[in-house]
Protein backbone atom coordinates (compact mmCIF):
# COMPACT_ATOMS: atom_id res chain seq x y z
CA MET A 1 0.00 0.00 0.00
CA SER A 2 1.39 3.42 -0.98
CA VAL A 3 1.77 6.30 1.49
CA TYR A 4 -1.12 8.03 -0.29
CA GLU A 5 -3.44 5.05 0.12
CA GLN A 6 -2.29 4.49 3.69
CA ASN A 7 -2.97 8.08 4.81
CA LEU A 8 -6.33 8.18 3.04
CA SER A 9 -7.28 4.84 4.59
CA THR A 10 -6.24 6.11 8.03
CA PHE A 11 -8.38 9.21 7.69
CA LEU A 12 -11.41 7.30 6.43
CA SER A 13 -11.02 4.85 9.32
CA LEU A 14 -11.08 7.77 11.76
CA VAL A 15 -14.25 9.12 10.16
CA LYS A 16 -15.88 5.70 10.37
CA GLN A 17 -14.81 5.25 13.99
CA HIS A 18 -16.12 8.65 15.04
CA ALA A 19 -19.40 8.15 13.17
CA ASN A 20 -20.03 4.68 14.61
CA GLU A 21 -19.12 5.77 18.14
CA GLN A 22 -21.35 8.87 17.81
CA CYS A 23 -18.55 11.26 18.66
CA LEU A 24 -18.34 12.97 15.27
CA VAL A 25 -19.18 16.67 15.54
CA LYS A 26 -18.77 17.55 11.88
CA LEU A 27 -16.69 16.88 8.78
CA ILE A 28 -15.89 19.52 6.17
CA LEU A 29 -14.80 18.62 2.63
CA SER A 30 -13.23 21.53 0.72
CA LYS A 31 -10.89 22.44 -2.16
CA ASN A 32 -13.11 20.98 -4.84
CA ARG A 33 -11.19 20.07 -8.00
CA GLY A 34 -13.93 18.00 -9.60
CA ASP A 35 -16.01 18.73 -12.69
CA ASP A 36 -18.76 20.63 -10.84
CA LYS A 37 -17.09 24.02 -10.35
CA GLU A 38 -20.16 25.50 -8.66
CA LEU A 39 -19.83 23.15 -5.67
CA GLN A 40 -17.67 24.83 -3.03
CA ARG A 41 -17.73 22.49 -0.06
CA ILE A 42 -19.68 19.79 1.75
CA ALA A 43 -20.50 20.03 5.46
CA ILE A 44 -21.37 16.71 7.11
CA ARG A 45 -22.82 16.22 10.57
CA PRO A 46 -24.66 13.45 12.43
CA VAL A 47 -28.39 13.75 13.11
CA THR A 48 -31.14 11.43 14.25
CA LEU A 49 -34.17 11.19 11.98
CA LYS A 50 -37.14 9.11 13.13
CA GLY A 51 -34.93 7.23 15.56
CA GLN A 52 -32.26 6.40 12.98
CA SER A 53 -28.70 7.77 13.03
CA VAL A 54 -27.75 9.32 9.70
CA LEU A 55 -25.14 11.69 8.35
CA SER A 56 -26.55 14.91 6.91
CA PHE A 57 -24.65 16.32 3.89
CA VAL A 58 -25.02 20.03 3.08
CA PHE A 59 -23.71 20.68 -0.44
CA SER A 60 -22.81 24.39 -0.59
CA TYR A 61 -22.91 25.90 -4.07
CA LYS A 62 -22.22 29.53 -4.94
CA THR A 63 -25.89 30.50 -4.78
CA ARG A 64 -27.67 27.71 -2.92
CA ASP A 65 -27.37 24.79 -0.53
CA ILE A 66 -28.72 21.27 -1.00
CA THR A 67 -29.17 18.89 1.94
CA LYS A 68 -29.12 15.09 1.62
CA ASN A 69 -29.18 12.48 4.36
CA TYR A 70 -27.49 9.06 4.21
CA VAL A 71 -27.29 6.12 6.56
CA VAL A 72 -23.78 5.84 7.97
CA ALA A 73 -22.60 3.00 5.71
CA ASP A 74 -23.69 4.80 2.53
CA ALA A 75 -22.35 8.12 3.83
CA LEU A 76 -18.88 6.64 4.33
CA LEU A 77 -18.85 5.40 0.74
CA HIS A 78 -19.82 8.87 -0.49
CA ILE A 79 -17.06 10.48 1.59
CA GLU A 80 -14.46 8.06 0.23
CA GLN A 81 -15.58 8.68 -3.35
CA LYS A 82 -15.54 12.47 -2.90
CA LEU A 83 -12.02 12.45 -1.46
CA GLN A 84 -10.70 10.14 -4.16
CA ASN A 85 -12.18 12.07 -7.09
CA GLU A 86 -13.20 15.62 -6.16
CA PHE A 87 -12.16 17.18 -2.87
CA LYS A 88 -8.56 17.69 -1.84
CA ALA A 89 -9.04 18.73 1.78
CA ALA A 90 -11.02 17.48 4.75
CA HIS A 91 -11.35 18.63 8.35
CA LEU A 92 -12.69 16.24 10.98
CA PHE A 93 -14.02 17.68 14.25
CA SER A 94 -14.72 15.71 17.43
CA PRO A 95 -14.95 16.76 21.09
CA GLN A 96 -11.41 15.50 21.73
CA GLN A 97 -9.48 16.11 18.51
CA GLU A 98 -9.32 17.73 15.09
CA VAL A 99 -7.81 15.94 12.11
CA GLN A 100 -6.91 17.66 8.85
CA LEU A 101 -6.23 15.95 5.55
CA ASP A 102 -4.70 17.79 2.57
CA ILE A 103 -3.99 16.39 -0.88
CA SER A 104 -1.51 18.41 -2.93
CA LYS A 105 -1.75 18.97 -6.69
CA LYS A 106 0.99 16.36 -7.07
CA GLY A 107 -1.07 13.80 -5.17
CA LYS A 108 0.80 13.88 -1.85
CA ILE A 109 -1.27 13.53 1.31
CA SER A 110 -0.53 15.24 4.60
CA LEU A 111 -2.37 14.20 7.72
CA ARG A 112 -2.33 16.37 10.85
CA SER A 113 -4.02 15.80 14.19
CA GLN A 114 -4.32 17.93 17.31
CA GLN A 115 -6.02 17.50 20.63
CA VAL A 116 -8.80 19.90 21.60
CA SER A 117 -7.99 21.42 24.96
CA GLY A 118 -10.47 22.57 27.58
CA THR A 119 -13.26 20.42 26.29
CA GLU A 120 -15.89 19.25 28.73
CA ALA A 121 -18.31 17.38 26.49
CA SER A 122 -17.48 13.80 25.63
CA THR A 123 -20.62 12.98 23.66
CA VAL A 124 -22.53 14.60 20.84
CA ASN A 125 -26.24 15.40 21.04
CA LEU A 126 -27.78 13.91 17.90
CA GLU A 127 -31.41 14.83 18.52
CA HIS A 128 -32.42 16.43 15.24
CA ASN A 129 -35.58 18.11 16.42
CA LYS A 130 -34.94 18.71 20.11
CA GLN A 131 -31.44 20.07 20.35
CA LYS A 132 -30.91 23.78 20.85
CA ARG A 133 -29.66 24.94 17.50
CA ARG A 134 -29.40 27.82 15.14
CA TYR A 135 -32.18 27.90 12.60
CA VAL A 136 -30.00 29.71 10.06
CA GLU A 137 -26.44 28.74 9.20
CA LEU A 138 -23.84 31.44 8.63
CA THR A 139 -22.84 29.72 5.39
CA ARG A 140 -26.10 30.69 3.67
CA PRO A 141 -25.18 32.66 0.49
CA TYR A 142 -27.83 35.36 0.98
CA LEU A 143 -26.25 36.40 4.30
CA SER A 144 -23.04 37.23 2.48
CA ALA A 145 -24.92 39.04 -0.31
CA LEU A 146 -26.78 41.18 2.25
CA GLY A 147 -23.63 42.01 4.21
CA VAL A 148 -24.35 39.97 7.35
CA THR A 149 -21.29 37.79 6.71
CA ASP A 150 -18.13 38.34 4.69
CA LYS A 151 -17.06 36.36 1.63
CA GLU A 152 -15.72 33.61 3.89
CA TYR A 153 -19.11 33.36 5.67
CA LYS A 154 -17.80 34.88 8.90
CA LEU A 155 -20.19 37.08 10.85
CA ILE A 156 -19.46 40.79 10.50
CA PRO A 157 -19.38 42.09 14.13
CA ALA A 158 -21.58 45.11 13.40
CA MET A 159 -24.31 42.73 12.16
CA SER A 160 -24.44 40.50 15.25
CA ARG A 161 -27.77 41.96 16.42
CA LYS A 162 -29.29 41.49 12.99
CA TRP A 163 -27.97 37.91 12.95
CA LYS A 164 -29.72 37.21 16.28
CA GLN A 165 -32.93 38.76 14.98
CA ILE A 166 -32.91 36.60 11.85
CA ASN A 167 -32.42 33.41 13.89
CA LYS A 168 -35.11 34.34 16.40
CA PHE A 169 -37.53 35.23 13.63
CA ILE A 170 -37.12 31.86 11.91
CA GLU A 171 -37.40 30.07 15.26
CA VAL A 172 -40.70 31.84 16.02
CA PHE A 173 -41.99 31.16 12.52
CA SER A 174 -41.09 27.47 12.62
CA GLN A 175 -42.98 27.04 15.89
CA ALA A 176 -45.98 28.94 14.53
CA LEU A 177 -45.96 26.72 11.44
CA GLU A 178 -46.16 23.61 13.64
CA GLN A 179 -49.17 25.04 15.49
CA SER A 180 -50.99 26.29 12.39
CA PRO A 181 -53.30 24.27 10.12
CA LEU A 182 -50.63 24.49 7.38
CA ALA A 183 -48.64 21.40 6.42
CA ALA A 184 -44.85 21.50 6.82
CA ASP A 185 -44.35 20.38 3.21
CA GLN A 186 -46.99 22.70 1.78
CA ALA A 187 -46.03 25.33 -0.81
CA LEU A 188 -46.90 28.58 0.96
CA GLN A 189 -47.70 32.09 -0.24
CA VAL A 190 -45.91 34.60 2.02
CA VAL A 191 -46.15 38.41 2.00
CA ASP A 192 -43.70 40.54 4.01
CA PHE A 193 -44.81 44.16 4.34
CA GLY A 194 -42.10 46.74 4.95
CA SER A 195 -39.42 44.29 3.84
CA GLY A 196 -36.67 46.95 3.94
CA LYS A 197 -33.29 45.51 3.03
CA GLY A 198 -34.81 42.04 2.86
CA TYR A 199 -33.02 40.28 5.71
CA LEU A 200 -36.09 38.47 7.01
CA THR A 201 -37.67 38.09 3.58
CA PHE A 202 -34.63 36.24 2.28
CA ALA A 203 -34.45 34.24 5.53
CA ILE A 204 -38.01 32.91 5.41
CA HIS A 205 -37.70 32.15 1.68
CA ASP A 206 -34.48 30.23 2.30
CA TYR A 207 -36.00 28.37 5.25
CA LEU A 208 -39.09 27.30 3.30
CA ARG A 209 -37.21 26.39 0.13
CA GLU A 210 -33.93 24.91 1.37
CA GLN A 211 -34.76 23.47 4.79
CA LEU A 212 -38.39 22.45 4.29
CA HIS A 213 -37.91 21.76 0.56
CA THR A 214 -41.16 23.41 -0.56
CA ASP A 215 -41.99 25.46 -3.66
CA SER A 216 -43.16 28.40 -1.55
CA GLN A 217 -43.51 31.90 -3.03
CA VAL A 218 -42.37 34.89 -0.98
CA THR A 219 -43.09 38.53 -1.81
CA GLY A 220 -41.44 41.49 -0.12
CA VAL A 221 -43.45 44.71 -0.25
CA GLU A 222 -41.40 47.88 0.33
CA LEU A 223 -42.45 51.51 -0.05
CA ARG A 224 -38.93 52.73 -0.85
CA ALA A 225 -38.33 51.95 -4.52
CA GLU A 226 -34.54 51.89 -4.18
CA LEU A 227 -34.68 49.15 -1.53
CA ALA A 228 -37.16 47.08 -3.54
CA ALA A 229 -34.81 47.35 -6.55
CA LEU A 230 -31.77 46.46 -4.42
CA CYS A 231 -33.45 43.31 -3.07
CA THR A 232 -34.72 42.34 -6.52
CA HIS A 233 -31.18 42.52 -7.86
CA ALA A 234 -29.88 40.37 -4.99
CA ALA A 235 -32.62 37.76 -5.51
CA GLU A 236 -31.87 37.59 -9.23
CA THR A 237 -28.12 37.35 -8.66
CA LEU A 238 -28.57 34.50 -6.19
CA GLU A 239 -31.12 32.85 -8.50
CA HIS A 240 -33.69 32.58 -5.72
CA LYS A 241 -36.76 31.22 -7.45
CA GLY A 242 -40.10 32.15 -5.92
CA LEU A 243 -38.73 35.32 -4.27
CA ASN A 244 -39.72 38.75 -5.55
CA PHE A 245 -39.93 42.31 -4.31
CA VAL A 246 -42.42 45.00 -5.28
CA CYS A 247 -42.71 48.69 -4.53
CA GLY A 248 -45.81 49.50 -2.49
CA ASP A 249 -47.29 49.37 1.00
CA VAL A 250 -49.95 47.54 2.93
CA LYS A 251 -52.64 50.05 1.94
CA THR A 252 -52.02 49.73 -1.80
CA HIS A 253 -50.91 46.12 -2.25
CA ALA A 254 -53.77 44.18 -3.83
CA PRO A 255 -54.92 41.27 -1.65
CA THR A 256 -53.88 37.90 -3.03
CA GLN A 257 -53.82 34.37 -1.68
CA THR A 258 -51.72 34.67 1.46
CA ASP A 259 -50.86 31.89 3.88
CA VAL A 260 -48.39 33.91 5.95
CA MET A 261 -48.53 37.68 6.50
CA ILE A 262 -45.53 39.46 8.05
CA ALA A 263 -45.26 43.10 9.08
CA LEU A 264 -42.40 43.87 11.43
CA HIS A 265 -41.87 47.39 12.73
CA ALA A 266 -45.06 48.65 11.06
CA CYS A 267 -45.52 52.18 12.36
CA ASP A 268 -48.72 53.18 14.17
CA VAL A 269 -51.88 52.20 12.22
CA ALA A 270 -49.84 50.45 9.50
CA THR A 271 -49.92 47.47 11.87
CA ASP A 272 -53.73 47.63 11.85
CA TYR A 273 -53.82 47.70 8.05
CA ALA A 274 -51.42 44.74 7.95
CA ILE A 275 -53.51 42.68 10.39
CA HIS A 276 -56.63 43.60 8.44
CA TYR A 277 -54.94 42.39 5.25
CA GLY A 278 -54.03 39.11 6.94
CA ILE A 279 -57.55 38.51 8.23
CA ARG A 280 -59.10 39.49 4.89
CA ALA A 281 -56.74 37.11 3.06
CA ASN A 282 -57.55 34.34 5.57
CA ALA A 283 -53.84 33.95 6.35
CA ALA A 284 -53.02 30.99 8.57
CA ILE A 285 -50.15 32.86 10.26
CA ILE A 286 -49.94 36.59 11.04
CA MET A 287 -46.70 38.00 12.47
CA CYS A 288 -46.55 41.67 13.50
CA SER A 289 -44.07 43.77 15.45
CA PRO A 290 -45.87 47.07 16.08
CA CYS A 291 -44.47 50.44 17.07
CA CYS A 292 -45.42 54.12 17.43
CA HIS A 293 -48.82 53.70 19.09
CA LYS A 294 -50.18 57.18 18.35
CA GLN A 295 -53.88 56.68 17.66
CA ILE A 296 -55.08 55.55 21.09
CA ARG A 297 -53.01 57.82 23.34
CA PRO A 298 -54.91 61.12 22.73
CA GLN A 299 -58.24 59.33 23.22
CA LEU A 300 -57.41 57.97 26.69
CA HIS A 301 -59.62 59.14 29.55
CA ASN A 302 -58.00 57.57 32.56
CA PRO A 303 -59.99 56.92 35.74
CA PRO A 304 -59.13 59.26 38.64
CA LEU A 305 -57.56 56.38 40.58
CA LEU A 306 -54.90 55.99 37.89
CA GLN A 307 -54.08 59.68 37.48
CA PRO A 308 -51.13 59.71 39.95
CA MET A 309 -49.53 56.83 38.04
CA LEU A 310 -50.26 58.17 34.59
CA GLN A 311 -49.11 61.75 35.20
CA TYR A 312 -45.74 60.58 33.86
CA GLY A 313 -45.47 60.57 30.10
CA ILE A 314 -43.56 57.31 29.89
CA HIS A 315 -46.26 55.46 31.84
CA LEU A 316 -48.99 57.00 29.71
CA GLY A 317 -47.20 55.86 26.56
CA GLN A 318 -46.74 52.35 27.92
CA GLN A 319 -50.41 52.12 28.79
CA ALA A 320 -51.45 53.32 25.33
CA GLU A 321 -49.16 50.71 23.80
CA MET A 322 -50.50 47.92 26.01
CA LEU A 323 -54.12 48.87 25.34
CA THR A 324 -53.62 49.21 21.57
CA ASP A 325 -51.97 45.83 21.19
CA SER A 326 -54.38 44.11 23.59
CA LEU A 327 -57.31 45.27 21.45
CA ARG A 328 -55.49 44.06 18.32
CA ALA A 329 -54.97 40.64 19.88
CA LEU A 330 -58.59 40.41 20.99
CA LEU A 331 -59.84 41.42 17.55
CA LEU A 332 -57.72 38.66 16.04
CA GLU A 333 -59.17 36.22 18.58
CA ALA A 334 -62.67 37.32 17.57
CA HIS A 335 -61.86 36.48 13.96
CA GLY A 336 -60.75 32.92 14.58
CA TYR A 337 -57.12 33.22 15.57
CA GLN A 338 -55.15 31.98 18.55
CA THR A 339 -53.00 34.93 19.55
CA LYS A 340 -49.80 35.45 21.53
CA VAL A 341 -48.18 38.75 22.51
CA PHE A 342 -44.61 38.36 23.66
CA GLU A 343 -41.16 39.91 23.73
CA PHE A 344 -39.28 39.54 20.49
CA ILE A 345 -35.57 40.27 20.06
CA SER A 346 -34.77 43.97 19.66
CA LEU A 347 -34.77 45.30 16.14
CA GLU A 348 -31.59 46.86 14.80
CA HIS A 349 -32.68 50.49 14.92
CA THR A 350 -35.30 50.55 17.69
CA ASN A 351 -35.91 49.32 21.20
CA LYS A 352 -39.40 48.08 20.25
CA ASN A 353 -39.33 44.33 20.68
CA LYS A 354 -42.92 43.14 20.98
CA MET A 355 -44.49 40.63 18.61
CA ILE A 356 -48.14 39.82 17.97
CA LEU A 357 -48.31 36.29 16.63
CA ALA A 358 -51.62 34.84 15.44
CA THR A 359 -52.30 31.37 14.07
CA LYS A 360 -55.60 30.39 12.51
CA ARG A 361 -57.74 28.12 14.66
CA LYS A 362 -58.80 24.85 13.10
CA ASN A 363 -62.25 25.16 14.67
CA THR A 364 -64.50 28.20 14.98
CA LEU A 365 -65.74 29.39 18.36
CA ASP A 366 -68.36 31.73 19.77
CA ASN A 367 -66.75 35.19 19.82
CA SER A 368 -69.48 36.98 21.80
CA ALA A 369 -67.46 36.95 25.06
CA ILE A 370 -64.42 38.40 23.28
CA LEU A 371 -66.51 41.15 21.66
CA LYS A 372 -67.86 42.03 25.09
CA GLN A 373 -64.31 42.29 26.48
CA ILE A 374 -63.32 44.61 23.65
CA GLN A 375 -66.26 46.90 24.29
CA GLU A 376 -65.66 46.97 28.05
CA LEU A 377 -62.04 47.98 27.57
CA LYS A 378 -63.01 50.75 25.17
CA THR A 379 -65.67 52.04 27.53
CA TYR A 380 -63.37 51.97 30.55
CA TYR A 381 -60.71 54.05 28.81
CA GLY A 382 -63.06 56.19 26.73
CA ILE A 383 -61.79 54.88 23.39
CA GLN A 384 -63.95 56.04 20.50
CA GLU A 385 -62.03 54.49 17.63
CA HIS A 386 -59.47 51.75 17.08
CA CYS A 387 -58.17 51.59 13.50
CA LEU A 388 -58.27 47.80 13.16
CA GLU A 389 -61.81 47.62 14.52
CA THR A 390 -62.91 50.33 12.08
CA LEU A 391 -61.39 48.45 9.14
CA LEU A 392 -63.01 45.21 10.22
CA ASN A 393 -66.39 46.85 10.81
CA ALA A 394 -66.34 48.09 7.23
CA GLU A 395 -65.92 44.54 5.96
CA TYR A 396 -67.51 42.22 8.50
CA SER A 397 -70.82 42.45 10.25
CA THR A 398 -69.65 40.32 13.19
CA VAL A 399 -67.46 43.04 14.78
């Protein structure tokens, strides 16, 4: 056996050993010299799917990722074939050691190993659905195109808050999808109002297309024409099928079939128009992050008992915000949604971090008690008009 064959056999034996003993963290194949020039690298990690241990391969191309899962025996054959014919470098990670394999242009193999110091974990958590994980990988091409990561897919420090927001957003959406009447493999129609620079629009499109493997269509609606054009160019460059951006806003965008309606950081009554759009389109999921609660505040007539507390402007503003969003949530409940109001991660340019999340109920219920609660709240605080209620009254006779 030649030195080349011996070193390659040693490395493959290590991969097999780590995979079978469930102590493989990940394996990266790089330096592709095969015929497919678009393929940049393959990231391999162990997961458990339906009780079976498999190795998940993420094939990273210049503009997209493709994920395939193989049982361990088949995966090892694929790895051997890739190293023999295409890739000239591999990096094996385990809790105790890292092993690097490099194949030179002249066919010489170097094999290097080093111990990982300060490691506490001796096993790898393989639970595919239960482990705490990131919902978005830094290696996603759109993150680099939008300036979240650099060309080497490393996080740009100034974008760390945006990176956290993207991950949290996809986490919240994935949980809402599980609770909604929508199927996980269903091709969805998604509208994102106020899409801005497209961070979350690209993220949800990538999640639906690449992770859930659906033919979903995602539309970003942005009032600023230059941002809509910028995102359109990025989507075309990355060849993201089913992703488009249009210039407009929630008041002018013609209602279409919509399964998921998103409106984050919608100012003042724009949130009401967005929720109204979602209800009117019978969306299964409505995600809003409201701000600038201006309509309710001047209408408030606070009871004398609360005057000492509400003489401070900040408390008055907080009460107006709480009342506005509580009425929005109740109106959603009255129209067949199960609603949550909770703290979302802070947006990049504001300290507003509340989210109203509504998922369509599978069964209808009597909304008379909810309508009574809405009216009692309005009467108590002297509220004459709430924008969302006005919009719904113009369209439905039930509210």
